[in-house]
Amino acid sequence: MPELPEVERAVKQIKRLALNKTIQRVETTEDNIIFSGITHEDFANEITGRKITGVKRYGKSFYLELDGQGKLPVLHFGMTGMLQVKGEKPMYYKETPKSASTDWPPRFMKFILHMRDERTQATAEIAFMDARRLGKIRLRACPDKEAPISELGFDPILCMPSLEVFEPLVMKRSCPIKALLLDQSFSAGVGNWVADEILYHSRIHPEQRCNTLTTTQIGNLHQFTKFVCETAVSVDADATKFPEDWLFKHRWGKGKKTNADPLKLVSGDLATIKWVTVGGRTSAYVAELQQLTSQAPVPLIKKRTTRSHLLEEDSESDLSVLTDSDPEVSQPSSKKRKKAAAEPRKIKSKLQRKQNTK
């Protein structure tokens, strides 16, 4: 799903295409899930006729700055949201498939902005699409001071805390470190692949509990949280330009053959990539480099927090450590669950029938 680097790429795309253009018309598709707290007509009416003066991102959310009076659109891609410019192929999460189409209007479109530069008369159209309808479109008067952005943690690009501030934020928690990184109220914008990459470079096992990390490990975590995000953003989230020794190049497919060369250790031996579910997400790690060390006792009392507003934001990457849902791990269907629950009753019934016949 789109994480901080991919969202930053989308922001740059909008700036390139739409900055200083006036929104002349907005095409929308009715969707009471994607449009949050507003109707699609409300959205169109609020922004039509206004000039795009800026585009800002915080975490995985981004918003358009518009002139004139009124609220501003705040957008979140969710798992499958993306932008498409008319005449161009959409920009996908990992890589654009060969089957990607330039058809217009695009499939799964939620809105299309029709824009014109009043000075040059240049026009452009850009669409927001979401196949699985897990993204969100909102209107906010002050996006950076209102939910959901106001409830997010630090952004590794925009406001990475100092090591002195960062260390106690980590050490006061007892959950697995991977789960903490995925928590958007801690680090806004870090999703599954970014968290795995940070932990790989930091040489920390994803299941290592926060309050058992050493000073060196926390220092590495602080350094590489910023490094991974900055490096990915510097190449516009183009995975083909990521360093060859990044885990990203090798983490997909759970052992299936890929086009990438095998990941190797400094010794030249092949690295062993393993997978484990942490914080409701499938996590990849290198067994030789990321070893689980002795754990401190888990506190007897845990605060069970749902963070419903954050889970709504992103049902894939913002899951807390207390959730047990994993979108990448197939769950039994309702029919199978009912069948499994009925099995003990069937066995009991057969035994009763046998006893009656005797």
Protein backbone atom coordinates (compact mmCIF):
# COMPACT_ATOMS: atom_id res chain seq x y z
CA MET A 1 0.00 0.00 0.00
CA PRO A 2 1.18 3.60 -0.48
CA GLU A 3 3.43 4.66 2.39
CA LEU A 4 5.25 7.92 3.10
CA PRO A 5 7.56 7.78 0.01
CA GLU A 6 4.71 6.94 -2.39
CA VAL A 7 2.49 9.67 -0.95
CA GLU A 8 5.33 12.18 -1.26
CA ARG A 9 5.65 11.16 -4.92
CA ALA A 10 1.92 11.85 -5.40
CA VAL A 11 2.33 15.29 -3.82
CA LYS A 12 5.14 16.12 -6.26
CA GLN A 13 2.95 14.93 -9.13
CA ILE A 14 0.11 17.26 -8.13
CA LYS A 15 2.51 20.18 -7.74
CA ARG A 16 3.92 19.55 -11.21
CA LEU A 17 0.52 19.34 -12.80
CA ALA A 18 -1.88 21.48 -10.80
CA LEU A 19 -0.06 24.25 -8.95
CA ASN A 20 -1.57 27.70 -9.70
CA LYS A 21 -4.35 26.18 -11.78
CA THR A 22 -8.02 26.85 -11.05
CA ILE A 23 -10.40 23.96 -10.46
CA GLN A 24 -13.05 24.67 -13.07
CA ARG A 25 -15.09 21.52 -12.56
CA VAL A 26 -15.08 18.41 -10.38
CA GLU A 27 -16.47 15.06 -11.55
CA THR A 28 -17.36 12.77 -8.66
CA THR A 29 -18.68 9.27 -8.06
CA GLU A 30 -21.10 8.73 -5.20
CA ASP A 31 -19.40 6.74 -2.43
CA ASN A 32 -20.46 7.14 1.19
CA ILE A 33 -17.44 5.12 2.39
CA ILE A 34 -14.66 7.05 0.66
CA PHE A 35 -16.22 10.48 1.22
CA SER A 36 -16.02 10.79 5.01
CA GLY A 37 -18.50 13.08 6.75
CA ILE A 38 -19.44 14.71 3.44
CA THR A 39 -21.26 13.81 0.23
CA HIS A 40 -19.53 13.75 -3.12
CA GLU A 41 -21.63 16.80 -4.07
CA ASP A 42 -20.40 18.67 -0.96
CA PHE A 43 -16.83 17.93 -1.98
CA ALA A 44 -17.29 19.19 -5.54
CA ASN A 45 -19.17 22.34 -4.51
CA GLU A 46 -16.60 23.28 -1.85
CA ILE A 47 -13.55 23.28 -4.12
CA THR A 48 -14.92 24.28 -7.55
CA GLY A 49 -13.71 27.68 -8.74
CA ARG A 50 -10.73 27.85 -6.37
CA LYS A 51 -7.03 27.96 -7.31
CA ILE A 52 -4.56 25.34 -6.07
CA THR A 53 -1.86 27.32 -4.28
CA GLY A 54 0.01 24.46 -2.59
CA VAL A 55 0.07 20.77 -1.69
CA LYS A 56 1.15 19.49 1.73
CA ARG A 57 1.78 16.01 3.13
CA TYR A 58 1.92 14.70 6.67
CA GLY A 59 2.41 10.97 7.18
CA LYS A 60 0.24 9.17 4.64
CA SER A 61 -2.27 12.03 4.40
CA PHE A 62 -1.99 14.98 2.01
CA TYR A 63 -4.10 18.02 1.30
CA LEU A 64 -4.56 20.76 -1.26
CA GLU A 65 -4.18 24.40 -0.29
CA LEU A 66 -6.78 26.51 -2.12
CA ASP A 67 -7.39 30.24 -2.35
CA GLY A 68 -10.62 31.86 -1.26
CA GLN A 69 -12.97 30.99 1.58
CA GLY A 70 -13.88 27.42 2.42
CA LYS A 71 -12.50 24.11 3.57
CA LEU A 72 -9.60 22.17 2.06
CA PRO A 73 -9.60 18.60 0.70
CA VAL A 74 -7.65 16.10 2.83
CA LEU A 75 -6.87 12.80 1.07
CA HIS A 76 -5.66 9.38 2.19
CA PHE A 77 -4.91 6.53 -0.22
CA GLY A 78 -5.64 3.60 2.10
CA MET A 79 -4.45 0.31 0.59
CA THR A 80 -5.15 0.78 -3.11
CA GLY A 81 -5.67 4.50 -3.68
CA MET A 82 -3.67 6.26 -6.38
CA LEU A 83 -3.64 9.21 -8.74
CA GLN A 84 -3.81 9.21 -12.51
CA VAL A 85 -3.18 12.09 -14.88
CA LYS A 86 -5.14 12.16 -18.13
CA GLY A 87 -2.97 10.77 -20.90
CA GLU A 88 -0.63 8.97 -18.48
CA LYS A 89 -0.65 5.59 -16.77
CA PRO A 90 -1.47 5.55 -13.05
CA MET A 91 1.40 5.33 -10.57
CA TYR A 92 1.14 2.07 -8.67
CA TYR A 93 2.54 1.13 -5.27
CA LYS A 94 5.40 -1.22 -6.26
CA GLU A 95 5.57 -1.07 -10.03
CA THR A 96 3.15 -0.21 -12.81
CA PRO A 97 1.86 -3.44 -14.41
CA LYS A 98 1.93 -3.88 -18.18
CA SER A 99 -1.87 -4.09 -18.13
CA ALA A 100 -2.18 -0.55 -16.73
CA SER A 101 -4.41 1.56 -18.94
CA THR A 102 -4.63 5.23 -19.91
CA ASP A 103 -8.40 4.90 -20.43
CA TRP A 104 -10.34 7.96 -19.31
CA PRO A 105 -12.17 8.32 -17.04
CA PRO A 106 -10.22 5.64 -15.18
CA ARG A 107 -11.84 2.68 -13.50
CA PHE A 108 -12.60 3.06 -9.77
CA MET A 109 -12.50 6.86 -10.12
CA LYS A 110 -13.80 8.78 -7.08
CA PHE A 111 -13.20 12.27 -8.41
CA ILE A 112 -11.56 14.08 -11.34
CA LEU A 113 -10.29 17.63 -11.09
CA HIS A 114 -10.64 19.65 -14.32
CA MET A 115 -8.14 22.49 -14.06
CA ARG A 116 -7.04 25.49 -16.11
CA ASP A 117 -4.19 27.96 -15.82
CA GLU A 118 -5.88 31.35 -16.25
CA ARG A 119 -2.65 32.93 -17.46
CA THR A 120 -1.53 30.37 -20.05
CA GLN A 121 -4.92 28.67 -20.59
CA ALA A 122 -3.18 25.29 -20.15
CA THR A 123 -5.59 22.60 -18.94
CA ALA A 124 -5.10 19.35 -17.06
CA GLU A 125 -7.14 16.59 -15.47
CA ILE A 126 -6.19 14.40 -12.54
CA ALA A 127 -8.18 11.57 -10.98
CA PHE A 128 -8.24 9.95 -7.54
CA MET A 129 -8.95 6.20 -7.75
CA ASP A 130 -9.47 3.52 -5.11
CA ALA A 131 -10.39 -0.06 -6.05
CA ARG A 132 -10.89 -1.40 -2.52
CA ARG A 133 -12.50 1.76 -1.11
CA LEU A 134 -10.25 1.94 1.95
CA GLY A 135 -9.03 5.47 1.33
CA LYS A 136 -10.64 8.63 2.66
CA ILE A 137 -11.66 11.99 1.21
CA ARG A 138 -12.40 14.72 3.75
CA LEU A 139 -12.87 18.46 4.01
CA ARG A 140 -11.12 20.36 6.80
CA ALA A 141 -10.83 24.06 7.67
CA CYS A 142 -7.31 23.66 9.15
CA PRO A 143 -6.00 20.24 8.07
CA ASP A 144 -2.83 20.30 10.17
CA LYS A 145 -4.77 21.20 13.33
CA GLU A 146 -7.70 18.79 12.90
CA ALA A 147 -8.11 15.01 12.85
CA PRO A 148 -6.80 12.86 11.36
CA ILE A 149 -3.49 14.75 10.92
CA SER A 150 -3.54 16.37 14.36
CA GLU A 151 -3.65 12.91 15.98
CA LEU A 152 -0.62 11.52 14.17
CA GLY A 153 2.88 11.08 15.58
CA PHE A 154 6.11 12.50 14.18
CA ASP A 155 6.77 12.50 10.45
CA PRO A 156 10.30 11.10 9.76
CA ILE A 157 10.87 13.63 6.96
CA LEU A 158 9.16 16.71 8.35
CA CYS A 159 9.75 16.54 12.11
CA MET A 160 11.96 13.65 13.18
CA PRO A 161 12.55 14.08 16.93
CA SER A 162 16.05 14.22 18.39
CA LEU A 163 17.55 11.03 19.77
CA GLU A 164 17.07 12.39 23.31
CA VAL A 165 13.32 12.72 22.68
CA PHE A 166 13.03 9.56 20.57
CA GLU A 167 14.59 7.14 23.07
CA PRO A 168 12.04 7.52 25.91
CA LEU A 169 9.18 7.37 23.37
CA VAL A 170 10.37 3.88 22.46
CA MET A 171 11.51 2.62 25.86
CA LYS A 172 8.21 3.34 27.63
CA ARG A 173 6.47 0.77 25.41
CA SER A 174 6.47 -3.01 25.88
CA CYS A 175 4.99 -4.03 22.51
CA PRO A 176 7.11 -5.51 19.67
CA ILE A 177 9.09 -2.80 17.92
CA LYS A 178 7.52 -3.57 14.52
CA ALA A 179 4.07 -2.93 15.97
CA LEU A 180 5.22 0.42 17.37
CA LEU A 181 6.63 1.54 14.03
CA LEU A 182 3.30 0.72 12.36
CA ASP A 183 1.38 2.76 14.93
CA GLN A 184 0.60 6.03 13.17
CA SER A 185 0.27 7.86 16.48
CA PHE A 186 3.98 7.10 16.93
CA SER A 187 5.57 7.41 13.47
CA ALA A 188 3.28 8.88 10.82
CA GLY A 189 3.86 7.53 7.33
CA VAL A 190 5.75 4.35 8.24
CA GLY A 191 3.98 1.32 6.81
CA ASN A 192 4.86 -2.33 6.41
CA TRP A 193 7.73 -2.28 3.94
CA VAL A 194 9.28 0.89 5.39
CA ALA A 195 9.18 -0.59 8.91
CA ASP A 196 10.81 -3.82 7.71
CA GLU A 197 13.52 -1.83 5.92
CA ILE A 198 14.22 0.27 9.02
CA LEU A 199 14.54 -2.80 11.23
CA TYR A 200 16.73 -4.60 8.68
CA HIS A 201 19.22 -1.72 8.56
CA SER A 202 19.02 -1.32 12.35
CA ARG A 203 19.70 -5.08 12.84
CA ILE A 204 16.64 -5.46 15.08
CA HIS A 205 14.25 -8.41 15.06
CA PRO A 206 10.63 -7.26 14.43
CA GLU A 207 9.43 -9.12 17.54
CA GLN A 208 11.96 -7.51 19.89
CA ARG A 209 10.05 -5.68 22.60
CA CYS A 210 10.62 -1.94 22.77
CA ASN A 211 11.66 -1.80 26.41
CA THR A 212 14.38 -4.43 25.85
CA LEU A 213 16.27 -2.52 23.15
CA THR A 214 19.83 -1.45 23.88
CA THR A 215 21.09 2.11 23.59
CA THR A 216 22.93 1.14 20.40
CA GLN A 217 19.80 -0.40 18.88
CA ILE A 218 17.74 2.68 19.64
CA GLY A 219 20.43 4.86 18.10
CA ASN A 220 20.34 2.73 14.95
CA LEU A 221 16.54 2.82 14.90
CA HIS A 222 16.56 6.61 15.13
CA GLN A 223 19.15 6.95 12.38
CA PHE A 224 17.58 4.53 9.90
CA THR A 225 13.99 5.67 10.40
CA LYS A 226 15.01 8.96 8.84
CA PHE A 227 17.53 7.42 6.41
CA VAL A 228 15.13 4.92 4.80
CA CYS A 229 12.38 7.51 4.31
CA GLU A 230 14.76 10.16 2.94
CA THR A 231 16.45 7.70 0.57
CA ALA A 232 13.14 6.44 -0.84
CA VAL A 233 11.79 9.97 -1.24
CA SER A 234 15.00 11.12 -3.00
CA VAL A 235 14.29 8.71 -5.89
CA ASP A 236 10.52 9.44 -5.97
CA ALA A 237 9.72 6.03 -4.47
CA ASP A 238 10.99 4.35 -7.65
CA ALA A 239 11.86 0.87 -6.37
CA THR A 240 14.16 0.22 -9.34
CA LYS A 241 16.43 2.96 -7.96
CA PHE A 242 16.56 1.64 -4.40
CA PRO A 243 19.99 0.31 -3.32
CA GLU A 244 20.54 -3.32 -4.30
CA ASP A 245 21.24 -4.36 -0.72
CA TRP A 246 17.84 -3.15 0.50
CA LEU A 247 15.48 -5.78 1.88
CA PHE A 248 12.72 -4.24 -0.28
CA LYS A 249 14.28 -5.86 -3.35
CA HIS A 250 13.91 -9.34 -1.86
CA ARG A 251 11.04 -9.33 0.66
CA TRP A 252 8.13 -10.03 -1.71
CA GLY A 253 6.64 -13.41 -2.53
CA LYS A 254 7.70 -15.32 0.59
CA GLY A 255 10.46 -17.35 -1.00
CA LYS A 256 9.12 -17.43 -4.56
CA LYS A 257 11.60 -16.80 -7.35
CA THR A 258 12.01 -13.14 -8.28
CA ASN A 259 14.01 -11.26 -10.88
CA ALA A 260 16.25 -9.76 -8.20
CA ASP A 261 19.60 -11.31 -7.36
CA PRO A 262 19.59 -13.12 -3.99
CA LEU A 263 20.33 -10.96 -0.97
CA LYS A 264 23.86 -11.66 0.27
CA LEU A 265 25.60 -11.08 3.57
CA VAL A 266 28.90 -9.21 3.83
CA SER A 267 30.63 -12.61 3.93
CA GLY A 268 29.20 -13.44 0.50
CA ASP A 269 26.86 -16.12 1.86
CA LEU A 270 23.19 -16.01 0.93
CA ALA A 271 20.98 -14.27 3.47
CA THR A 272 18.09 -16.22 4.99
CA ILE A 273 14.88 -14.19 4.73
CA LYS A 274 12.13 -15.29 7.09
CA TRP A 275 8.61 -14.07 7.75
CA VAL A 276 6.66 -13.62 10.96
CA THR A 277 3.35 -11.93 11.78
CA VAL A 278 3.79 -8.96 14.12
CA GLY A 279 1.17 -6.38 14.97
CA GLY A 280 -1.22 -8.00 12.52
CA ARG A 281 1.21 -7.68 9.60
CA THR A 282 3.48 -10.09 7.78
CA SER A 283 7.04 -9.00 8.52
CA ALA A 284 10.19 -9.95 6.62
CA TYR A 285 13.59 -10.10 8.32
CA VAL A 286 17.09 -11.55 7.77
CA ALA A 287 17.72 -14.33 10.27
CA GLU A 288 21.52 -13.89 10.36
CA LEU A 289 21.35 -10.15 11.07
CA GLN A 290 18.16 -9.65 13.06
CA GLN A 291 18.22 -11.98 16.04
CA LEU A 292 15.71 -11.94 18.85
CA THR A 293 17.52 -11.32 22.13
CA SER A 294 16.34 -12.04 25.68
CA GLN A 295 13.10 -10.32 26.56
CA ALA A 296 12.17 -8.34 29.67
CA PRO A 297 9.04 -9.44 31.57
CA VAL A 298 5.82 -8.19 30.00
CA PRO A 299 3.83 -5.90 32.32
CA LEU A 300 0.88 -7.62 33.97
CA ILE A 301 -1.58 -4.94 32.89
CA LYS A 302 -1.93 -3.87 29.29
CA LYS A 303 -3.95 -0.93 28.10
CA ARG A 304 -6.16 -2.19 25.31
CA THR A 305 -6.49 0.66 22.83
CA THR A 306 -8.43 0.40 19.58
CA ARG A 307 -7.43 3.75 18.05
CA SER A 308 -10.49 3.47 15.82
CA HIS A 309 -9.72 6.71 13.97
CA LEU A 310 -6.26 5.44 13.00
CA LEU A 311 -7.52 2.00 11.99
CA GLU A 312 -10.08 3.72 9.79
CA GLU A 313 -7.27 5.64 8.16
CA ASP A 314 -5.44 2.57 6.96
CA SER A 315 -6.70 -0.92 7.60
CA GLU A 316 -3.45 -2.46 6.42
CA SER A 317 -0.57 -0.61 8.01
CA ASP A 318 -1.91 1.21 11.06
CA LEU A 319 -2.92 -1.85 13.08
CA SER A 320 -1.85 -1.82 16.70
CA VAL A 321 -0.05 -4.65 18.44
CA LEU A 322 -3.30 -5.76 20.04
CA THR A 323 -5.03 -6.54 16.75
CA ASP A 324 -4.92 -10.00 15.26
CA SER A 325 -6.13 -9.27 11.75
CA ASP A 326 -3.61 -9.76 8.95
CA PRO A 327 -4.80 -8.81 5.44
CA GLU A 328 -1.93 -10.78 3.92
CA VAL A 329 -2.79 -14.00 5.76
CA SER A 330 -5.91 -15.71 4.48
CA GLN A 331 -8.62 -16.09 7.09
CA PRO A 332 -11.21 -18.90 7.08
CA SER A 333 -14.47 -17.94 5.46
CA SER A 334 -17.67 -17.65 7.47
CA LYS A 335 -18.91 -20.93 5.92
CA LYS A 336 -15.74 -22.76 7.03
CA ARG A 337 -15.99 -21.31 10.52
CA LYS A 338 -19.62 -22.43 10.81
CA LYS A 339 -18.70 -25.88 9.50
CA ALA A 340 -15.87 -26.19 12.01
CA ALA A 341 -18.13 -25.11 14.85
CA ALA A 342 -20.75 -27.67 13.83
CA GLU A 343 -18.34 -30.63 13.78
CA PRO A 344 -18.46 -31.35 17.56
CA ARG A 345 -22.25 -31.34 17.45
CA LYS A 346 -22.30 -33.80 14.55
CA ILE A 347 -19.97 -36.20 16.34
CA LYS A 348 -22.06 -36.00 19.51
CA SER A 349 -25.24 -36.64 17.52
CA LYS A 350 -23.77 -39.76 15.86
CA LEU A 351 -22.75 -41.20 19.23
CA GLN A 352 -26.25 -40.64 20.59
CA ARG A 353 -27.82 -42.39 17.60
CA LYS A 354 -25.53 -45.40 18.05
CA GLN A 355 -26.43 -45.64 21.72
CA ASN A 356 -30.16 -45.47 20.91
CA THR A 357 -29.89 -48.32 18.38
CA LYS A 358 -28.20 -50.49 20.98
